[in-house]
Each structure stands twice: as structure tokens, then as C-alpha cells.
């Protein structure tokens, strides 16, 4: 139950993950890499589930569509959003003059609202 609730909550950071608004460029690059790795894995898991579903009975396939698939999709969505936070953080630190007068937190908030 905890894992399912955590899986789709984009506000929950991983253990040790700092606030993107206050993290250094080095940390932002690190966490962007971590979330890229996890998202790549989640997308591969989802593709594998769909491949396996092709050989299942319609009843089994329907149950997987109702149970497994939504959990993996929610997790992938969460990691995609968190990756977006870190991508915005990296951009804000690499090109701070492109949005002069705006805080890093504002740049990240704008990126997540897009």
C-alpha cells in the first residue's frame, strides 16, 4: 500500500534527494542522471509487461491492465516529473542569465507547470 501511494506522488523525493531549488549544479546533474536511469527502467518494464500480455488469455490480460499497468505507469509518470524538476534545475544553473531576476525555484516551478 505504501509503495503504491508513493509511486504516483510527484512531491515525494527519494531518500537523500535535495530540494531542486537549492541544489548545486553538481547535485542537479547527479539527480537528473538517477531519474533518467529509473525512468528508462520503468519504460522497459512497461514494454516487457505489454509484450508478455500479448500471450495471455483475455481475462489475464484484462487483470494486468487493471492492476499492474496502472502502477507502473504511475511510477513512470512520477519519475518523469521528478526528472523534469532536475532538468529545469540543470538549465537554470547552466544559463542563469537567460531568465534574469528570476529565482531558480521560480524557473523550476514554471518548468513543472508546462
PDB file of N, CA and C in Angstrom:
ATOM      1  N   UNK A   1       0.830  -1.185   0.000  1.00  0.00           N
ATOM      2  CA  UNK A   1       0.000   0.000   0.000  1.00  0.00           C
ATOM      3  C   UNK A   1       0.877   1.252   0.000  1.00  0.00           C
ATOM      4  N   UNK A   2       1.902   1.275   0.823  1.00  0.00           N
ATOM      5  CA  UNK A   2       2.781   2.436   0.900  1.00  0.00           C
ATOM      6  C   UNK A   2       3.484   2.645  -0.436  1.00  0.00           C
ATOM      7  N   UNK A   3       3.977   1.566  -1.019  1.00  0.00           N
ATOM      8  CA  UNK A   3       4.678   1.677  -2.301  1.00  0.00           C
ATOM      9  C   UNK A   3       3.747   2.182  -3.398  1.00  0.00           C
ATOM     10  N   UNK A   4       2.510   1.725  -3.396  1.00  0.00           N
ATOM     11  CA  UNK A   4       1.555   2.164  -4.404  1.00  0.00           C
ATOM     12  C   UNK A   4       1.253   3.650  -4.258  1.00  0.00           C
ATOM     13  N   UNK A   5       1.069   4.107  -3.028  1.00  0.00           N
ATOM     14  CA  UNK A   5       0.792   5.530  -2.794  1.00  0.00           C
ATOM     15  C   UNK A   5       2.009   6.374  -3.139  1.00  0.00           C
ATOM     16  N   UNK A   6       3.174   5.920  -2.776  1.00  0.00           N
ATOM     17  CA  UNK A   6       4.406   6.653  -3.061  1.00  0.00           C
ATOM     18  C   UNK A   6       4.672   6.704  -4.566  1.00  0.00           C
ATOM     19  N   UNK A   7       4.344   5.634  -5.252  1.00  0.00           N
ATOM     20  CA  UNK A   7       4.645   5.518  -6.678  1.00  0.00           C
ATOM     21  C   UNK A   7       4.109   6.634  -7.541  1.00  0.00           C
ATOM     22  N   UNK A   8       2.950   7.183  -7.217  1.00  0.00           N
ATOM     23  CA  UNK A   8       2.364   8.213  -8.054  1.00  0.00           C
ATOM     24  C   UNK A   8       2.448   9.614  -7.492  1.00  0.00           C
ATOM     25  N   UNK A   9       3.068   9.782  -6.333  1.00  0.00           N
ATOM     26  CA  UNK A   9       3.128  11.095  -5.691  1.00  0.00           C
ATOM     27  C   UNK A   9       4.402  11.827  -6.105  1.00  0.00           C
ATOM     28  N   UNK A  10       4.263  12.800  -7.011  1.00  0.00           N
ATOM     29  CA  UNK A  10       5.415  13.510  -7.564  1.00  0.00           C
ATOM     30  C   UNK A  10       6.099  14.422  -6.551  1.00  0.00           C
ATOM     31  N   UNK A  11       5.458  14.672  -5.417  1.00  0.00           N
ATOM     32  CA  UNK A  11       6.059  15.550  -4.417  1.00  0.00           C
ATOM     33  C   UNK A  11       7.035  14.823  -3.508  1.00  0.00           C
ATOM     34  N   UNK A  12       7.003  13.502  -3.545  1.00  0.00           N
ATOM     35  CA  UNK A  12       7.885  12.723  -2.670  1.00  0.00           C
ATOM     36  C   UNK A  12       9.254  12.582  -3.318  1.00  0.00           C
ATOM     37  N   UNK A  13      10.267  13.022  -2.589  1.00  0.00           N
ATOM     38  CA  UNK A  13      11.642  12.880  -3.054  1.00  0.00           C
ATOM     39  C   UNK A  13      12.201  11.534  -2.611  1.00  0.00           C
ATOM     40  N   UNK A  14      13.200  11.081  -3.323  1.00  0.00           N
ATOM     41  CA  UNK A  14      13.895   9.864  -2.931  1.00  0.00           C
ATOM     42  C   UNK A  14      14.738  10.156  -1.696  1.00  0.00           C
ATOM     43  N   UNK A  15      15.105   9.115  -0.958  1.00  0.00           N
ATOM     44  CA  UNK A  15      15.977   9.285   0.207  1.00  0.00           C
ATOM     45  C   UNK A  15      17.260   9.982  -0.238  1.00  0.00           C
ATOM     46  N   UNK A  16      17.622  11.042   0.468  1.00  0.00           N
ATOM     47  CA  UNK A  16      18.844  11.770   0.163  1.00  0.00           C
ATOM     48  C   UNK A  16      18.718  12.808  -0.932  1.00  0.00           C
ATOM     49  N   UNK A  17      17.573  12.876  -1.579  1.00  0.00           N
ATOM     50  CA  UNK A  17      17.376  13.823  -2.682  1.00  0.00           C
ATOM     51  C   UNK A  17      17.134  15.230  -2.117  1.00  0.00           C
ATOM     52  N   UNK A  18      17.957  16.188  -2.534  1.00  0.00           N
ATOM     53  CA  UNK A  18      17.767  17.546  -2.035  1.00  0.00           C
ATOM     54  C   UNK A  18      16.644  18.270  -2.774  1.00  0.00           C
ATOM     55  N   UNK A  19      16.323  19.442  -2.293  1.00  0.00           N
ATOM     56  CA  UNK A  19      15.349  20.302  -2.949  1.00  0.00           C
ATOM     57  C   UNK A  19      15.997  20.846  -4.222  1.00  0.00           C
ATOM     58  N   UNK A  20      15.389  20.644  -5.385  1.00  0.00           N
ATOM     59  CA  UNK A  20      15.977  21.150  -6.629  1.00  0.00           C
ATOM     60  C   UNK A  20      16.199  22.665  -6.611  1.00  0.00           C
ATOM     61  N   UNK A  21      15.401  23.391  -5.882  1.00  0.00           N
ATOM     62  CA  UNK A  21      15.519  24.847  -5.851  1.00  0.00           C
ATOM     63  C   UNK A  21      16.793  25.320  -5.160  1.00  0.00           C
ATOM     64  N   UNK A  22      17.387  24.477  -4.325  1.00  0.00           N
ATOM     65  CA  UNK A  22      18.571  24.904  -3.583  1.00  0.00           C
ATOM     66  C   UNK A  22      19.801  24.055  -3.893  1.00  0.00           C
ATOM     67  N   UNK A  23      19.687  23.087  -4.777  1.00  0.00           N
ATOM     68  CA  UNK A  23      20.790  22.172  -5.073  1.00  0.00           C
ATOM     69  C   UNK A  23      21.814  22.824  -6.007  1.00  0.00           C
ATOM     70  N   UNK A  24      23.034  22.398  -5.882  1.00  0.00           N
ATOM     71  CA  UNK A  24      24.108  22.866  -6.758  1.00  0.00           C
ATOM     72  C   UNK A  24      23.964  22.228  -8.139  1.00  0.00           C
ATOM     73  N   UNK A  25      24.714  22.754  -9.102  1.00  0.00           N
ATOM     74  CA  UNK A  25      24.711  22.165 -10.440  1.00  0.00           C
ATOM     75  C   UNK A  25      25.183  20.720 -10.384  1.00  0.00           C
ATOM     76  N   UNK A  26      26.195  20.447  -9.589  1.00  0.00           N
ATOM     77  CA  UNK A  26      26.708  19.079  -9.459  1.00  0.00           C
ATOM     78  C   UNK A  26      25.618  18.119  -8.966  1.00  0.00           C
ATOM     79  N   UNK A  27      24.880  18.539  -7.950  1.00  0.00           N
ATOM     80  CA  UNK A  27      23.786  17.698  -7.448  1.00  0.00           C
ATOM     81  C   UNK A  27      22.670  17.572  -8.477  1.00  0.00           C
ATOM     82  N   UNK A  28      22.379  18.652  -9.161  1.00  0.00           N
ATOM     83  CA  UNK A  28      21.327  18.619 -10.181  1.00  0.00           C
ATOM     84  C   UNK A  28      21.686  17.635 -11.292  1.00  0.00           C
ATOM     85  N   UNK A  29      22.929  17.623 -11.719  1.00  0.00           N
ATOM     86  CA  UNK A  29      23.373  16.675 -12.749  1.00  0.00           C
ATOM     87  C   UNK A  29      23.283  15.238 -12.235  1.00  0.00           C
ATOM     88  N   UNK A  30      23.667  15.032 -10.981  1.00  0.00           N
ATOM     89  CA  UNK A  30      23.596  13.699 -10.380  1.00  0.00           C
ATOM     90  C   UNK A  30      22.159  13.190 -10.355  1.00  0.00           C
ATOM     91  N   UNK A  31      21.220  14.017  -9.837  1.00  0.00           N
ATOM     92  CA  UNK A  31      19.837  13.569  -9.702  1.00  0.00           C
ATOM     93  C   UNK A  31      19.135  13.461 -11.054  1.00  0.00           C
ATOM     94  N   UNK A  32      19.538  14.268 -12.015  1.00  0.00           N
ATOM     95  CA  UNK A  32      18.995  14.103 -13.372  1.00  0.00           C
ATOM     96  C   UNK A  32      19.390  12.738 -13.910  1.00  0.00           C
ATOM     97  N   UNK A  33      20.640  12.325 -13.672  1.00  0.00           N
ATOM     98  CA  UNK A  33      21.107  11.016 -14.121  1.00  0.00           C
ATOM     99  C   UNK A  33      20.341   9.891 -13.418  1.00  0.00           C
ATOM    100  N   UNK A  34      20.156  10.019 -12.112  1.00  0.00           N
ATOM    101  CA  UNK A  34      19.435   8.991 -11.347  1.00  0.00           C
ATOM    102  C   UNK A  34      18.020   8.821 -11.904  1.00  0.00           C
ATOM    103  N   UNK A  35      17.306   9.936 -12.089  1.00  0.00           N
ATOM    104  CA  UNK A  35      15.936   9.842 -12.572  1.00  0.00           C
ATOM    105  C   UNK A  35      15.862   9.375 -14.022  1.00  0.00           C
ATOM    106  N   UNK A  36      16.860   9.702 -14.819  1.00  0.00           N
ATOM    107  CA  UNK A  36      16.912   9.194 -16.192  1.00  0.00           C
ATOM    108  C   UNK A  36      17.045   7.676 -16.182  1.00  0.00           C
ATOM    109  N   UNK A  37      17.923   7.164 -15.321  1.00  0.00           N
ATOM    110  CA  UNK A  37      18.110   5.711 -15.206  1.00  0.00           C
ATOM    111  C   UNK A  37      16.821   5.022 -14.776  1.00  0.00           C
ATOM    112  N   UNK A  38      16.179   5.569 -13.771  1.00  0.00           N
ATOM    113  CA  UNK A  38      14.959   4.940 -13.250  1.00  0.00           C
ATOM    114  C   UNK A  38      13.841   4.993 -14.287  1.00  0.00           C
ATOM    115  N   UNK A  39      13.676   6.130 -14.944  1.00  0.00           N
ATOM    116  CA  UNK A  39      12.623   6.252 -15.951  1.00  0.00           C
ATOM    117  C   UNK A  39      12.869   5.285 -17.106  1.00  0.00           C
ATOM    118  N   UNK A  40      14.110   5.159 -17.521  1.00  0.00           N
ATOM    119  CA  UNK A  40      14.446   4.213 -18.594  1.00  0.00           C
ATOM    120  C   UNK A  40      14.064   2.794 -18.188  1.00  0.00           C
ATOM    121  N   UNK A  41      14.345   2.435 -16.938  1.00  0.00           N
ATOM    122  CA  UNK A  41      13.991   1.106 -16.445  1.00  0.00           C
ATOM    123  C   UNK A  41      12.474   0.921 -16.401  1.00  0.00           C
ATOM    124  N   UNK A  42      11.749   1.914 -15.878  1.00  0.00           N
ATOM    125  CA  UNK A  42      10.285   1.809 -15.789  1.00  0.00           C
ATOM    126  C   UNK A  42       9.662   1.656 -17.182  1.00  0.00           C
ATOM    127  N   UNK A  43      10.175   2.390 -18.148  1.00  0.00           N
ATOM    128  CA  UNK A  43       9.651   2.270 -19.507  1.00  0.00           C
ATOM    129  C   UNK A  43       9.937   0.894 -20.087  1.00  0.00           C
ATOM    130  N   UNK A  44      11.102   0.323 -19.771  1.00  0.00           N
ATOM    131  CA  UNK A  44      11.429  -1.030 -20.219  1.00  0.00           C
ATOM    132  C   UNK A  44      10.534  -2.065 -19.543  1.00  0.00           C
ATOM    133  N   UNK A  45      10.251  -1.869 -18.258  1.00  0.00           N
ATOM    134  CA  UNK A  45       9.352  -2.771 -17.532  1.00  0.00           C
ATOM    135  C   UNK A  45       7.963  -2.737 -18.165  1.00  0.00           C
ATOM    136  N   UNK A  46       7.485  -1.549 -18.449  1.00  0.00           N
ATOM    137  CA  UNK A  46       6.160  -1.424 -19.061  1.00  0.00           C
ATOM    138  C   UNK A  46       6.124  -2.095 -20.436  1.00  0.00           C
ATOM    139  N   UNK A  47       7.151  -1.907 -21.207  1.00  0.00           N
ATOM    140  CA  UNK A  47       7.214  -2.553 -22.521  1.00  0.00           C
ATOM    141  C   UNK A  47       7.242  -4.072 -22.372  1.00  0.00           C
ATOM    142  N   UNK A  48       7.984  -4.580 -21.390  1.00  0.00           N
ATOM    143  CA  UNK A  48       8.049  -6.031 -21.157  1.00  0.00           C
ATOM    144  C   UNK A  48       6.691  -6.567 -20.718  1.00  0.00           C
ATOM    145  N   UNK A  49       6.000  -5.833 -19.835  1.00  0.00           N
ATOM    146  CA  UNK A  49       4.658  -6.253 -19.415  1.00  0.00           C
ATOM    147  C   UNK A  49       3.745  -6.355 -20.629  1.00  0.00           C
ATOM    148  N   UNK A  50       3.787  -5.367 -21.487  1.00  0.00           N
ATOM    149  CA  UNK A  50       2.923  -5.381 -22.676  1.00  0.00           C
ATOM    150  C   UNK A  50       3.266  -6.519 -23.616  1.00  0.00           C
ATOM    151  N   UNK A  51       4.542  -6.833 -23.725  1.00  0.00           N
ATOM    152  CA  UNK A  51       4.967  -7.968 -24.553  1.00  0.00           C
ATOM    153  C   UNK A  51       4.433  -9.277 -23.983  1.00  0.00           C
ATOM    154  N   UNK A  52       4.566  -9.440 -22.675  1.00  0.00           N
ATOM    155  CA  UNK A  52       4.078 -10.660 -22.027  1.00  0.00           C
ATOM    156  C   UNK A  52       2.561 -10.774 -22.107  1.00  0.00           C
ATOM    157  N   UNK A  53       1.877  -9.653 -22.044  1.00  0.00           N
ATOM    158  CA  UNK A  53       0.414  -9.656 -22.106  1.00  0.00           C
ATOM    159  C   UNK A  53      -0.108 -10.203 -23.438  1.00  0.00           C
ATOM    160  N   UNK A  54       0.677 -10.049 -24.471  1.00  0.00           N
ATOM    161  CA  UNK A  54       0.237 -10.496 -25.799  1.00  0.00           C
ATOM    162  C   UNK A  54      -0.049 -11.995 -25.840  1.00  0.00           C
ATOM    163  N   UNK A  55       0.631 -12.764 -24.979  1.00  0.00           N
ATOM    164  CA  UNK A  55       0.449 -14.213 -24.954  1.00  0.00           C
ATOM    165  C   UNK A  55      -0.541 -14.684 -23.896  1.00  0.00           C
ATOM    166  N   UNK A  56      -1.155 -13.751 -23.188  1.00  0.00           N
ATOM    167  CA  UNK A  56      -2.079 -14.130 -22.123  1.00  0.00           C
ATOM    168  C   UNK A  56      -3.512 -14.245 -22.642  1.00  0.00           C
ATOM    169  N   UNK A  57      -4.309 -14.943 -21.857  1.00  0.00           N
ATOM    170  CA  UNK A  57      -5.739 -15.007 -22.165  1.00  0.00           C
ATOM    171  C   UNK A  57      -6.318 -13.604 -21.987  1.00  0.00           C
ATOM    172  N   UNK A  58      -7.474 -13.363 -22.552  1.00  0.00           N
ATOM    173  CA  UNK A  58      -8.088 -12.041 -22.432  1.00  0.00           C
ATOM    174  C   UNK A  58      -8.402 -11.713 -20.967  1.00  0.00           C
ATOM    175  N   UNK A  59      -8.749 -12.728 -20.175  1.00  0.00           N
ATOM    176  CA  UNK A  59      -9.038 -12.498 -18.755  1.00  0.00           C
ATOM    177  C   UNK A  59      -7.781 -12.058 -17.994  1.00  0.00           C
ATOM    178  N   UNK A  60      -6.694 -12.762 -18.227  1.00  0.00           N
ATOM    179  CA  UNK A  60      -5.435 -12.425 -17.552  1.00  0.00           C
ATOM    180  C   UNK A  60      -4.934 -11.058 -18.019  1.00  0.00           C
ATOM    181  N   UNK A  61      -5.025 -10.824 -19.314  1.00  0.00           N
ATOM    182  CA  UNK A  61      -4.584  -9.544 -19.865  1.00  0.00           C
ATOM    183  C   UNK A  61      -5.381  -8.387 -19.261  1.00  0.00           C
ATOM    184  N   UNK A  62      -6.678  -8.575 -19.125  1.00  0.00           N
ATOM    185  CA  UNK A  62      -7.531  -7.527 -18.552  1.00  0.00           C
ATOM    186  C   UNK A  62      -7.151  -7.248 -17.097  1.00  0.00           C
ATOM    187  N   UNK A  63      -6.873  -8.286 -16.335  1.00  0.00           N
ATOM    188  CA  UNK A  63      -6.482  -8.097 -14.934  1.00  0.00           C
ATOM    189  C   UNK A  63      -5.152  -7.347 -14.835  1.00  0.00           C
ATOM    190  N   UNK A  64      -4.206  -7.689 -15.681  1.00  0.00           N
ATOM    191  CA  UNK A  64      -2.918  -6.992 -15.696  1.00  0.00           C
ATOM    192  C   UNK A  64      -3.118  -5.524 -16.079  1.00  0.00           C
ATOM    193  N   UNK A  65      -4.007  -5.271 -17.040  1.00  0.00           N
ATOM    194  CA  UNK A  65      -4.301  -3.891 -17.443  1.00  0.00           C
ATOM    195  C   UNK A  65      -4.915  -3.084 -16.296  1.00  0.00           C
ATOM    196  N   UNK A  66      -5.666  -3.762 -15.441  1.00  0.00           N
ATOM    197  CA  UNK A  66      -6.325  -3.081 -14.321  1.00  0.00           C
ATOM    198  C   UNK A  66      -5.439  -2.953 -13.081  1.00  0.00           C
ATOM    199  N   UNK A  67      -4.432  -3.803 -12.966  1.00  0.00           N
ATOM    200  CA  UNK A  67      -3.631  -3.811 -11.738  1.00  0.00           C
ATOM    201  C   UNK A  67      -2.178  -3.402 -11.971  1.00  0.00           C
ATOM    202  N   UNK A  68      -1.438  -4.199 -12.688  1.00  0.00           N
ATOM    203  CA  UNK A  68      -0.007  -3.951 -12.875  1.00  0.00           C
ATOM    204  C   UNK A  68       0.296  -2.705 -13.700  1.00  0.00           C
ATOM    205  N   UNK A  69      -0.368  -2.592 -14.836  1.00  0.00           N
ATOM    206  CA  UNK A  69      -0.064  -1.492 -15.760  1.00  0.00           C
ATOM    207  C   UNK A  69      -0.264  -0.118 -15.109  1.00  0.00           C
ATOM    208  N   UNK A  70      -1.374   0.140 -14.431  1.00  0.00           N
ATOM    209  CA  UNK A  70      -1.529   1.470 -13.832  1.00  0.00           C
ATOM    210  C   UNK A  70      -0.454   1.819 -12.797  1.00  0.00           C
ATOM    211  N   UNK A  71       0.012   0.813 -12.056  1.00  0.00           N
ATOM    212  CA  UNK A  71       1.051   1.063 -11.057  1.00  0.00           C
ATOM    213  C   UNK A  71       2.354   1.461 -11.745  1.00  0.00           C
ATOM    214  N   UNK A  72       2.740   0.726 -12.758  1.00  0.00           N
ATOM    215  CA  UNK A  72       3.984   1.031 -13.461  1.00  0.00           C
ATOM    216  C   UNK A  72       3.872   2.373 -14.189  1.00  0.00           C
ATOM    217  N   UNK A  73       2.730   2.651 -14.786  1.00  0.00           N
ATOM    218  CA  UNK A  73       2.519   3.938 -15.460  1.00  0.00           C
ATOM    219  C   UNK A  73       2.609   5.091 -14.458  1.00  0.00           C
ATOM    220  N   UNK A  74       1.994   4.928 -13.290  1.00  0.00           N
ATOM    221  CA  UNK A  74       2.044   5.975 -12.265  1.00  0.00           C
ATOM    222  C   UNK A  74       3.475   6.208 -11.794  1.00  0.00           C
ATOM    223  N   UNK A  75       4.220   5.140 -11.623  1.00  0.00           N
ATOM    224  CA  UNK A  75       5.614   5.279 -11.207  1.00  0.00           C
ATOM    225  C   UNK A  75       6.428   5.983 -12.292  1.00  0.00           C
ATOM    226  N   UNK A  76       6.235   5.583 -13.536  1.00  0.00           N
ATOM    227  CA  UNK A  76       6.964   6.223 -14.636  1.00  0.00           C
ATOM    228  C   UNK A  76       6.607   7.703 -14.722  1.00  0.00           C
ATOM    229  N   UNK A  77       5.339   8.024 -14.538  1.00  0.00           N
ATOM    230  CA  UNK A  77       4.920   9.428 -14.565  1.00  0.00           C
ATOM    231  C   UNK A  77       5.596  10.216 -13.444  1.00  0.00           C
ATOM    232  N   UNK A  78       5.649   9.629 -12.264  1.00  0.00           N
ATOM    233  CA  UNK A  78       6.316  10.295 -11.141  1.00  0.00           C
ATOM    234  C   UNK A  78       7.780  10.565 -11.460  1.00  0.00           C
ATOM    235  N   UNK A  79       8.463   9.557 -11.966  1.00  0.00           N
ATOM    236  CA  UNK A  79       9.878   9.726 -12.276  1.00  0.00           C
ATOM    237  C   UNK A  79      10.084  10.722 -13.420  1.00  0.00           C
ATOM    238  N   UNK A  80       9.163  10.755 -14.351  1.00  0.00           N
ATOM    239  CA  UNK A  80       9.237  11.721 -15.462  1.00  0.00           C
ATOM    240  C   UNK A  80       9.113  13.153 -14.931  1.00  0.00           C
ATOM    241  N   UNK A  81       8.193  13.367 -14.004  1.00  0.00           N
ATOM    242  CA  UNK A  81       8.023  14.700 -13.406  1.00  0.00           C
ATOM    243  C   UNK A  81       9.243  15.075 -12.588  1.00  0.00           C
ATOM    244  N   UNK A  82       9.725  14.155 -11.759  1.00  0.00           N
ATOM    245  CA  UNK A  82      10.913  14.446 -10.942  1.00  0.00           C
ATOM    246  C   UNK A  82      12.117  14.727 -11.847  1.00  0.00           C
ATOM    247  N   UNK A  83      12.250  13.985 -12.926  1.00  0.00           N
ATOM    248  CA  UNK A  83      13.312  14.246 -13.898  1.00  0.00           C
ATOM    249  C   UNK A  83      13.171  15.658 -14.457  1.00  0.00           C
ATOM    250  N   UNK A  84      11.948  16.073 -14.721  1.00  0.00           N
ATOM    251  CA  UNK A  84      11.704  17.431 -15.210  1.00  0.00           C
ATOM    252  C   UNK A  84      12.167  18.486 -14.228  1.00  0.00           C
ATOM    253  N   UNK A  85      11.957  18.246 -12.927  1.00  0.00           N
ATOM    254  CA  UNK A  85      12.457  19.177 -11.911  1.00  0.00           C
ATOM    255  C   UNK A  85      13.967  19.346 -12.054  1.00  0.00           C
ATOM    256  N   UNK A  86      14.658  18.214 -12.174  1.00  0.00           N
ATOM    257  CA  UNK A  86      16.116  18.246 -12.226  1.00  0.00           C
ATOM    258  C   UNK A  86      16.625  18.787 -13.549  1.00  0.00           C
ATOM    259  N   UNK A  87      15.947  18.503 -14.636  1.00  0.00           N
ATOM    260  CA  UNK A  87      16.345  19.096 -15.922  1.00  0.00           C
ATOM    261  C   UNK A  87      16.219  20.614 -15.868  1.00  0.00           C
ATOM    262  N   UNK A  88      15.137  21.105 -15.278  1.00  0.00           N
ATOM    263  CA  UNK A  88      14.948  22.559 -15.132  1.00  0.00           C
ATOM    264  C   UNK A  88      16.022  23.150 -14.229  1.00  0.00           C
ATOM    265  N   UNK A  89      16.374  22.426 -13.192  1.00  0.00           N
ATOM    266  CA  UNK A  89      17.406  22.878 -12.270  1.00  0.00           C
ATOM    267  C   UNK A  89      18.753  22.980 -12.989  1.00  0.00           C
ATOM    268  N   UNK A  90      19.084  21.971 -13.768  1.00  0.00           N
ATOM    269  CA  UNK A  90      20.341  21.992 -14.527  1.00  0.00           C
ATOM    270  C   UNK A  90      20.349  23.181 -15.479  1.00  0.00           C
ATOM    271  N   UNK A  91      19.269  23.364 -16.235  1.00  0.00           N
ATOM    272  CA  UNK A  91      19.193  24.501 -17.181  1.00  0.00           C
ATOM    273  C   UNK A  91      19.336  25.830 -16.454  1.00  0.00           C
ATOM    274  N   UNK A  92      18.682  25.968 -15.328  1.00  0.00           N
ATOM    275  CA  UNK A  92      18.723  27.221 -14.574  1.00  0.00           C
ATOM    276  C   UNK A  92      20.138  27.521 -14.077  1.00  0.00           C
ATOM    277  N   UNK A  93      20.887  26.493 -13.736  1.00  0.00           N
ATOM    278  CA  UNK A  93      22.233  26.707 -13.222  1.00  0.00           C
ATOM    279  C   UNK A  93      23.253  26.868 -14.335  1.00  0.00           C
ATOM    280  N   UNK A  94      22.991  26.270 -15.487  1.00  0.00           N
ATOM    281  CA  UNK A  94      23.924  26.390 -16.599  1.00  0.00           C
ATOM    282  C   UNK A  94      23.757  27.714 -17.338  1.00  0.00           C
ATOM    283  N   UNK A  95      22.542  28.270 -17.322  1.00  0.00           N
ATOM    284  CA  UNK A  95      22.271  29.517 -18.038  1.00  0.00           C
ATOM    285  C   UNK A  95      21.464  30.464 -17.150  1.00  0.00           C
ATOM    286  N   UNK A  96      22.024  30.896 -16.033  1.00  0.00           N
ATOM    287  CA  UNK A  96      21.241  31.732 -15.118  1.00  0.00           C
ATOM    288  C   UNK A  96      20.863  33.093 -15.696  1.00  0.00           C
ATOM    289  N   UNK A  97      21.585  33.564 -16.677  1.00  0.00           N
ATOM    290  CA  UNK A  97      21.285  34.890 -17.228  1.00  0.00           C
ATOM    291  C   UNK A  97      20.124  34.880 -18.214  1.00  0.00           C
ATOM    292  N   UNK A  98      19.657  33.711 -18.635  1.00  0.00           N
ATOM    293  CA  UNK A  98      18.576  33.659 -19.613  1.00  0.00           C
ATOM    294  C   UNK A  98      17.247  34.106 -19.030  1.00  0.00           C
ATOM    295  N   UNK A  99      17.119  34.048 -17.713  1.00  0.00           N
ATOM    296  CA  UNK A  99      15.890  34.486 -17.047  1.00  0.00           C
ATOM    297  C   UNK A  99      16.278  35.368 -15.870  1.00  0.00           C
ATOM    298  N   UNK A 100      16.926  36.452 -16.198  1.00  0.00           N
ATOM    299  CA  UNK A 100      17.471  37.347 -15.183  1.00  0.00           C
ATOM    300  C   UNK A 100      16.395  37.795 -14.207  1.00  0.00           C
ATOM    301  N   UNK A 101      16.800  37.868 -12.960  1.00  0.00           N
ATOM    302  CA  UNK A 101      15.899  38.344 -11.923  1.00  0.00           C
ATOM    303  C   UNK A 101      14.957  37.292 -11.387  1.00  0.00           C
ATOM    304  N   UNK A 102      14.955  36.109 -11.971  1.00  0.00           N
ATOM    305  CA  UNK A 102      14.052  35.057 -11.523  1.00  0.00           C
ATOM    306  C   UNK A 102      14.838  34.047 -10.701  1.00  0.00           C
ATOM    307  N   UNK A 103      14.289  33.619  -9.615  1.00  0.00           N
ATOM    308  CA  UNK A 103      14.977  32.634  -8.782  1.00  0.00           C
ATOM    309  C   UNK A 103      14.963  31.267  -9.439  1.00  0.00           C
ATOM    310  N   UNK A 104      15.880  30.417  -9.016  1.00  0.00           N
ATOM    311  CA  UNK A 104      15.905  29.044  -9.528  1.00  0.00           C
ATOM    312  C   UNK A 104      14.600  28.346  -9.217  1.00  0.00           C
ATOM    313  N   UNK A 105      14.050  28.579  -8.028  1.00  0.00           N
ATOM    314  CA  UNK A 105      12.778  27.956  -7.644  1.00  0.00           C
ATOM    315  C   UNK A 105      11.676  28.353  -8.614  1.00  0.00           C
ATOM    316  N   UNK A 106      11.660  29.609  -9.049  1.00  0.00           N
ATOM    317  CA  UNK A 106      10.627  30.069  -9.990  1.00  0.00           C
ATOM    318  C   UNK A 106      10.797  29.404 -11.345  1.00  0.00           C
ATOM    319  N   UNK A 107      12.042  29.242 -11.786  1.00  0.00           N
ATOM    320  CA  UNK A 107      12.300  28.576 -13.060  1.00  0.00           C
ATOM    321  C   UNK A 107      11.849  27.130 -13.006  1.00  0.00           C
ATOM    322  N   UNK A 108      12.133  26.440 -11.903  1.00  0.00           N
ATOM    323  CA  UNK A 108      11.739  25.041 -11.748  1.00  0.00           C
ATOM    324  C   UNK A 108      10.210  24.941 -11.668  1.00  0.00           C
ATOM    325  N   UNK A 109       9.571  25.828 -10.926  1.00  0.00           N
ATOM    326  CA  UNK A 109       8.109  25.804 -10.813  1.00  0.00           C
ATOM    327  C   UNK A 109       7.462  26.023 -12.169  1.00  0.00           C
ATOM    328  N   UNK A 110       8.023  26.913 -12.977  1.00  0.00           N
ATOM    329  CA  UNK A 110       7.481  27.170 -14.311  1.00  0.00           C
ATOM    330  C   UNK A 110       7.628  25.939 -15.183  1.00  0.00           C
ATOM    331  N   UNK A 111       8.771  25.275 -15.089  1.00  0.00           N
ATOM    332  CA  UNK A 111       9.012  24.074 -15.901  1.00  0.00           C
ATOM    333  C   UNK A 111       8.045  22.959 -15.546  1.00  0.00           C
ATOM    334  N   UNK A 112       7.701  22.817 -14.285  1.00  0.00           N
ATOM    335  CA  UNK A 112       6.813  21.732 -13.895  1.00  0.00           C
ATOM    336  C   UNK A 112       5.364  22.050 -14.228  1.00  0.00           C
ATOM    337  N   UNK A 113       5.061  23.311 -14.425  1.00  0.00           N
ATOM    338  CA  UNK A 113       3.687  23.684 -14.769  1.00  0.00           C
ATOM    339  C   UNK A 113       3.409  23.524 -16.259  1.00  0.00           C
ATOM    340  N   UNK A 114       4.488  23.432 -17.046  1.00  0.00           N
ATOM    341  CA  UNK A 114       4.333  23.302 -18.506  1.00  0.00           C
ATOM    342  C   UNK A 114       3.780  21.954 -18.894  1.00  0.00           C
TER     343      UNK A 114
END
